[in-house]
Amino acid sequence: MPSLFEIAQQLRQSALTGVGNYQEFLKRWKYDSDQKQVIHEALCDILDQ
C-alpha cells in the first residue's frame, strides 16, 4: 500500500501532466485545468517543505 506521501506525489503529477495513476479520478470528477493547477500548487507547497 502506498504511503500518503506517495499518493500526494502521484496526484500532483497527474494534475500537472494529465497522465498517471490519478488521471482517471480527475477526469471522472470533471476537474478543469484551473482546478488541477490549484491542486498541483497546493501539493507542491506541502511536498516541497
PDB file of N, CA and C in Angstrom:
ATOM      1  N   MET A   1       0.847  -1.172   0.000  1.00  0.00           N
ATOM      2  CA  MET A   1       0.000   0.000   0.000  1.00  0.00           C
ATOM      3  C   MET A   1       0.896   1.241   0.000  1.00  0.00           C
ATOM      4  N   PRO A   2       0.616   2.190  -0.920  1.00  0.00           N
ATOM      5  CA  PRO A   2       1.459   3.382  -0.973  1.00  0.00           C
ATOM      6  C   PRO A   2       1.235   4.291   0.238  1.00  0.00           C
ATOM      7  N   SER A   3       2.275   5.001   0.579  1.00  0.00           N
ATOM      8  CA  SER A   3       2.172   5.943   1.694  1.00  0.00           C
ATOM      9  C   SER A   3       1.414   7.194   1.248  1.00  0.00           C
ATOM     10  N   LEU A   4       0.975   7.974   2.199  1.00  0.00           N
ATOM     11  CA  LEU A   4       0.286   9.226   1.898  1.00  0.00           C
ATOM     12  C   LEU A   4       1.178  10.142   1.059  1.00  0.00           C
ATOM     13  N   PHE A   5       2.459  10.154   1.350  1.00  0.00           N
ATOM     14  CA  PHE A   5       3.410  10.966   0.592  1.00  0.00           C
ATOM     15  C   PHE A   5       3.441  10.530  -0.868  1.00  0.00           C
ATOM     16  N   GLU A   6       3.483   9.222  -1.111  1.00  0.00           N
ATOM     17  CA  GLU A   6       3.500   8.702  -2.484  1.00  0.00           C
ATOM     18  C   GLU A   6       2.207   9.034  -3.221  1.00  0.00           C
ATOM     19  N   ILE A   7       1.084   8.913  -2.540  1.00  0.00           N
ATOM     20  CA  ILE A   7      -0.210   9.244  -3.143  1.00  0.00           C
ATOM     21  C   ILE A   7      -0.239  10.722  -3.533  1.00  0.00           C
ATOM     22  N   ALA A   8       0.217  11.577  -2.638  1.00  0.00           N
ATOM     23  CA  ALA A   8       0.235  13.015  -2.921  1.00  0.00           C
ATOM     24  C   ALA A   8       1.142  13.329  -4.109  1.00  0.00           C
ATOM     25  N   GLN A   9       2.284  12.672  -4.191  1.00  0.00           N
ATOM     26  CA  GLN A   9       3.184  12.872  -5.327  1.00  0.00           C
ATOM     27  C   GLN A   9       2.522  12.440  -6.632  1.00  0.00           C
ATOM     28  N   GLN A  10       1.849  11.304  -6.610  1.00  0.00           N
ATOM     29  CA  GLN A  10       1.185  10.798  -7.808  1.00  0.00           C
ATOM     30  C   GLN A  10       0.042  11.711  -8.238  1.00  0.00           C
ATOM     31  N   LEU A  11      -0.735  12.209  -7.280  1.00  0.00           N
ATOM     32  CA  LEU A  11      -1.823  13.133  -7.597  1.00  0.00           C
ATOM     33  C   LEU A  11      -1.264  14.430  -8.172  1.00  0.00           C
ATOM     34  N   ARG A  12      -0.198  14.929  -7.582  1.00  0.00           N
ATOM     35  CA  ARG A  12       0.438  16.150  -8.099  1.00  0.00           C
ATOM     36  C   ARG A  12       0.887  15.949  -9.542  1.00  0.00           C
ATOM     37  N   GLN A  13       1.493  14.820  -9.831  1.00  0.00           N
ATOM     38  CA  GLN A  13       1.964  14.535 -11.185  1.00  0.00           C
ATOM     39  C   GLN A  13       0.801  14.448 -12.164  1.00  0.00           C
ATOM     40  N   SER A  14      -0.264  13.765 -11.785  1.00  0.00           N
ATOM     41  CA  SER A  14      -1.435  13.648 -12.662  1.00  0.00           C
ATOM     42  C   SER A  14      -2.091  15.004 -12.895  1.00  0.00           C
ATOM     43  N   ALA A  15      -2.151  15.832 -11.870  1.00  0.00           N
ATOM     44  CA  ALA A  15      -2.746  17.164 -12.015  1.00  0.00           C
ATOM     45  C   ALA A  15      -1.926  18.025 -12.967  1.00  0.00           C
ATOM     46  N   LEU A  16      -0.616  17.844 -12.966  1.00  0.00           N
ATOM     47  CA  LEU A  16       0.266  18.638 -13.821  1.00  0.00           C
ATOM     48  C   LEU A  16       0.275  18.139 -15.263  1.00  0.00           C
ATOM     49  N   THR A  17       0.365  16.813 -15.437  1.00  0.00           N
ATOM     50  CA  THR A  17       0.596  16.260 -16.773  1.00  0.00           C
ATOM     51  C   THR A  17      -0.644  15.694 -17.448  1.00  0.00           C
ATOM     52  N   GLY A  18      -1.678  15.381 -16.674  1.00  0.00           N
ATOM     53  CA  GLY A  18      -2.869  14.758 -17.254  1.00  0.00           C
ATOM     54  C   GLY A  18      -2.717  13.269 -17.480  1.00  0.00           C
ATOM     55  N   VAL A  19      -1.648  12.694 -16.985  1.00  0.00           N
ATOM     56  CA  VAL A  19      -1.438  11.246 -17.077  1.00  0.00           C
ATOM     57  C   VAL A  19      -1.040  10.729 -15.699  1.00  0.00           C
ATOM     58  N   GLY A  20      -1.068   9.427 -15.546  1.00  0.00           N
ATOM     59  CA  GLY A  20      -0.649   8.844 -14.281  1.00  0.00           C
ATOM     60  C   GLY A  20      -1.785   8.174 -13.544  1.00  0.00           C
ATOM     61  N   ASN A  21      -1.496   7.774 -12.318  1.00  0.00           N
ATOM     62  CA  ASN A  21      -2.438   6.988 -11.522  1.00  0.00           C
ATOM     63  C   ASN A  21      -3.738   7.713 -11.209  1.00  0.00           C
ATOM     64  N   TYR A  22      -3.718   9.033 -11.132  1.00  0.00           N
ATOM     65  CA  TYR A  22      -4.919   9.774 -10.732  1.00  0.00           C
ATOM     66  C   TYR A  22      -5.582  10.509 -11.890  1.00  0.00           C
ATOM     67  N   GLN A  23      -5.145  10.264 -13.107  1.00  0.00           N
ATOM     68  CA  GLN A  23      -5.732  10.901 -14.281  1.00  0.00           C
ATOM     69  C   GLN A  23      -7.204  10.534 -14.420  1.00  0.00           C
ATOM     70  N   GLU A  24      -7.545   9.260 -14.242  1.00  0.00           N
ATOM     71  CA  GLU A  24      -8.944   8.824 -14.348  1.00  0.00           C
ATOM     72  C   GLU A  24      -9.807   9.445 -13.254  1.00  0.00           C
ATOM     73  N   PHE A  25      -9.280   9.558 -12.051  1.00  0.00           N
ATOM     74  CA  PHE A  25     -10.006  10.200 -10.952  1.00  0.00           C
ATOM     75  C   PHE A  25     -10.324  11.649 -11.299  1.00  0.00           C
ATOM     76  N   LEU A  26      -9.333  12.386 -11.778  1.00  0.00           N
ATOM     77  CA  LEU A  26      -9.529  13.791 -12.123  1.00  0.00           C
ATOM     78  C   LEU A  26     -10.516  13.940 -13.275  1.00  0.00           C
ATOM     79  N   LYS A  27     -10.450  13.025 -14.212  1.00  0.00           N
ATOM     80  CA  LYS A  27     -11.376  13.050 -15.355  1.00  0.00           C
ATOM     81  C   LYS A  27     -12.796  12.701 -14.908  1.00  0.00           C
ATOM     82  N   ARG A  28     -12.946  11.663 -14.105  1.00  0.00           N
ATOM     83  CA  ARG A  28     -14.263  11.216 -13.652  1.00  0.00           C
ATOM     84  C   ARG A  28     -15.007  12.316 -12.912  1.00  0.00           C
ATOM     85  N   TRP A  29     -14.296  13.055 -12.076  1.00  0.00           N
ATOM     86  CA  TRP A  29     -14.929  14.105 -11.276  1.00  0.00           C
ATOM     87  C   TRP A  29     -14.875  15.463 -11.957  1.00  0.00           C
ATOM     88  N   LYS A  30     -14.465  15.453 -13.236  1.00  0.00           N
ATOM     89  CA  LYS A  30     -14.522  16.643 -14.105  1.00  0.00           C
ATOM     90  C   LYS A  30     -13.763  17.855 -13.558  1.00  0.00           C
ATOM     91  N   TYR A  31     -12.564  17.605 -13.046  1.00  0.00           N
ATOM     92  CA  TYR A  31     -11.710  18.716 -12.642  1.00  0.00           C
ATOM     93  C   TYR A  31     -11.252  19.438 -13.901  1.00  0.00           C
ATOM     94  N   ASP A  32     -11.364  20.763 -13.915  1.00  0.00           N
ATOM     95  CA  ASP A  32     -10.906  21.518 -15.077  1.00  0.00           C
ATOM     96  C   ASP A  32      -9.442  21.928 -14.879  1.00  0.00           C
ATOM     97  N   SER A  33      -8.884  22.586 -15.878  1.00  0.00           N
ATOM     98  CA  SER A  33      -7.455  22.913 -15.822  1.00  0.00           C
ATOM     99  C   SER A  33      -7.126  23.864 -14.670  1.00  0.00           C
ATOM    100  N   ASP A  34      -8.024  24.796 -14.367  1.00  0.00           N
ATOM    101  CA  ASP A  34      -7.772  25.697 -13.235  1.00  0.00           C
ATOM    102  C   ASP A  34      -7.743  24.937 -11.913  1.00  0.00           C
ATOM    103  N   GLN A  35      -8.668  24.019 -11.736  1.00  0.00           N
ATOM    104  CA  GLN A  35      -8.715  23.226 -10.508  1.00  0.00           C
ATOM    105  C   GLN A  35      -7.480  22.337 -10.389  1.00  0.00           C
ATOM    106  N   LYS A  36      -7.053  21.752 -11.497  1.00  0.00           N
ATOM    107  CA  LYS A  36      -5.856  20.908 -11.476  1.00  0.00           C
ATOM    108  C   LYS A  36      -4.617  21.733 -11.147  1.00  0.00           C
ATOM    109  N   GLN A  37      -4.576  22.955 -11.635  1.00  0.00           N
ATOM    110  CA  GLN A  37      -3.445  23.831 -11.322  1.00  0.00           C
ATOM    111  C   GLN A  37      -3.398  24.135  -9.829  1.00  0.00           C
ATOM    112  N   VAL A  38      -4.543  24.393  -9.226  1.00  0.00           N
ATOM    113  CA  VAL A  38      -4.609  24.665  -7.784  1.00  0.00           C
ATOM    114  C   VAL A  38      -4.178  23.435  -6.991  1.00  0.00           C
ATOM    115  N   ILE A  39      -4.631  22.251  -7.408  1.00  0.00           N
ATOM    116  CA  ILE A  39      -4.220  21.002  -6.751  1.00  0.00           C
ATOM    117  C   ILE A  39      -2.703  20.871  -6.822  1.00  0.00           C
ATOM    118  N   HIS A  40      -2.146  21.070  -8.012  1.00  0.00           N
ATOM    119  CA  HIS A  40      -0.704  20.948  -8.196  1.00  0.00           C
ATOM    120  C   HIS A  40       0.050  21.931  -7.302  1.00  0.00           C
ATOM    121  N   GLU A  41      -0.375  23.182  -7.293  1.00  0.00           N
ATOM    122  CA  GLU A  41       0.307  24.195  -6.480  1.00  0.00           C
ATOM    123  C   GLU A  41       0.208  23.888  -4.990  1.00  0.00           C
ATOM    124  N   ALA A  42      -0.968  23.461  -4.543  1.00  0.00           N
ATOM    125  CA  ALA A  42      -1.144  23.141  -3.119  1.00  0.00           C
ATOM    126  C   ALA A  42      -0.258  21.970  -2.712  1.00  0.00           C
ATOM    127  N   LEU A  43      -0.200  20.952  -3.561  1.00  0.00           N
ATOM    128  CA  LEU A  43       0.631  19.793  -3.234  1.00  0.00           C
ATOM    129  C   LEU A  43       2.116  20.137  -3.312  1.00  0.00           C
ATOM    130  N   CYS A  44       2.496  21.026  -4.213  1.00  0.00           N
ATOM    131  CA  CYS A  44       3.893  21.477  -4.249  1.00  0.00           C
ATOM    132  C   CYS A  44       4.256  22.172  -2.942  1.00  0.00           C
ATOM    133  N   ASP A  45       3.360  23.030  -2.463  1.00  0.00           N
ATOM    134  CA  ASP A  45       3.613  23.727  -1.197  1.00  0.00           C
ATOM    135  C   ASP A  45       3.821  22.742  -0.054  1.00  0.00           C
ATOM    136  N   ILE A  46       3.018  21.702  -0.023  1.00  0.00           N
ATOM    137  CA  ILE A  46       3.088  20.714   1.060  1.00  0.00           C
ATOM    138  C   ILE A  46       4.296  19.797   0.905  1.00  0.00           C
ATOM    139  N   LEU A  47       4.484  19.264  -0.296  1.00  0.00           N
ATOM    140  CA  LEU A  47       5.512  18.244  -0.506  1.00  0.00           C
ATOM    141  C   LEU A  47       6.925  18.816  -0.554  1.00  0.00           C
ATOM    142  N   ASP A  48       7.047  20.070  -0.922  1.00  0.00           N
ATOM    143  CA  ASP A  48       8.378  20.659  -1.075  1.00  0.00           C
ATOM    144  C   ASP A  48       8.885  21.333   0.196  1.00  0.00           C
ATOM    145  N   GLN A  49       8.197  21.129   1.318  1.00  0.00           N
ATOM    146  CA  GLN A  49       8.632  21.720   2.588  1.00  0.00           C
ATOM    147  C   GLN A  49       9.744  20.913   3.196  1.00  0.00           C
TER     148      GLN A  49
END
